[in-house]
Amino acid sequence: MIDNLTIMLTHGLMLIAVWRLLKRPEVDDESTIDPDTRKGRWPRA
């Protein structure tokens, strides 16, 4: 019983965290991306 409770609790908390991260406006904002890094290359240091 406790095993199921802890698994449900931790997975529920992770689901809430992912849901809140995906609802952030910064996720859909692409204006700050450098045009050189849009091609799939790693940015140069």
C-alpha atoms as a PDB file:
ATOM      1  CA  MET A   1       0.000   0.000   0.000  1.00  0.00           C
ATOM      2  CA  ILE A   2       2.753   2.464   0.911  1.00  0.00           C
ATOM      3  CA  ASP A   3       4.709   1.545  -2.223  1.00  0.00           C
ATOM      4  CA  ASN A   4       1.749   2.420  -4.434  1.00  0.00           C
ATOM      5  CA  LEU A   5       1.151   5.644  -2.532  1.00  0.00           C
ATOM      6  CA  THR A   6       4.742   6.821  -2.882  1.00  0.00           C
ATOM      7  CA  ILE A   7       4.867   5.948  -6.582  1.00  0.00           C
ATOM      8  CA  MET A   8       1.603   7.770  -7.253  1.00  0.00           C
ATOM      9  CA  LEU A   9       2.728  10.778  -5.214  1.00  0.00           C
ATOM     10  CA  THR A  10       6.113  11.151  -6.908  1.00  0.00           C
ATOM     11  CA  HIS A  11       4.716  10.619 -10.404  1.00  0.00           C
ATOM     12  CA  GLY A  12       1.931  13.078  -9.695  1.00  0.00           C
ATOM     13  CA  LEU A  13       4.419  15.696  -8.562  1.00  0.00           C
ATOM     14  CA  MET A  14       6.566  15.136 -11.665  1.00  0.00           C
ATOM     15  CA  LEU A  15       3.468  15.481 -13.850  1.00  0.00           C
ATOM     16  CA  ILE A  16       2.598  18.789 -12.192  1.00  0.00           C
ATOM     17  CA  ALA A  17       6.185  20.031 -12.648  1.00  0.00           C
ATOM     18  CA  VAL A  18       6.228  19.146 -16.356  1.00  0.00           C
ATOM     19  CA  TRP A  19       2.784  20.674 -16.854  1.00  0.00           C
ATOM     20  CA  ARG A  20       3.895  23.935 -15.241  1.00  0.00           C
ATOM     21  CA  LEU A  21       7.125  24.023 -17.271  1.00  0.00           C
ATOM     22  CA  LEU A  22       5.273  23.521 -20.553  1.00  0.00           C
ATOM     23  CA  LYS A  23       2.824  26.323 -19.758  1.00  0.00           C
ATOM     24  CA  ARG A  24       5.596  28.903 -19.341  1.00  0.00           C
ATOM     25  CA  PRO A  25       5.638  31.620 -22.026  1.00  0.00           C
ATOM     26  CA  GLU A  26       9.419  31.258 -22.476  1.00  0.00           C
ATOM     27  CA  VAL A  27       8.933  27.816 -24.017  1.00  0.00           C
ATOM     28  CA  ASP A  28       7.214  29.262 -27.110  1.00  0.00           C
ATOM     29  CA  ASP A  29       9.452  32.329 -27.430  1.00  0.00           C
ATOM     30  CA  GLU A  30      12.047  31.929 -30.166  1.00  0.00           C
ATOM     31  CA  SER A  31      13.093  35.564 -30.437  1.00  0.00           C
ATOM     32  CA  THR A  32      16.154  35.088 -28.218  1.00  0.00           C
ATOM     33  CA  ILE A  33      17.637  32.244 -30.286  1.00  0.00           C
ATOM     34  CA  ASP A  34      20.748  33.117 -32.259  1.00  0.00           C
ATOM     35  CA  PRO A  35      20.196  32.474 -35.992  1.00  0.00           C
ATOM     36  CA  ASP A  36      23.493  30.553 -36.216  1.00  0.00           C
ATOM     37  CA  THR A  37      22.381  28.012 -33.607  1.00  0.00           C
ATOM     38  CA  ARG A  38      19.030  27.282 -35.287  1.00  0.00           C
ATOM     39  CA  LYS A  39      20.706  24.919 -37.736  1.00  0.00           C
ATOM     40  CA  GLY A  40      21.147  22.238 -35.093  1.00  0.00           C
ATOM     41  CA  ARG A  41      24.765  22.992 -34.326  1.00  0.00           C
ATOM     42  CA  TRP A  42      26.129  23.493 -30.850  1.00  0.00           C
ATOM     43  CA  PRO A  43      26.923  27.139 -30.079  1.00  0.00           C
ATOM     44  CA  ARG A  44      30.599  27.970 -30.160  1.00  0.00           C
ATOM     45  CA  ALA A  45      32.210  28.993 -26.904  1.00  0.00           C
END
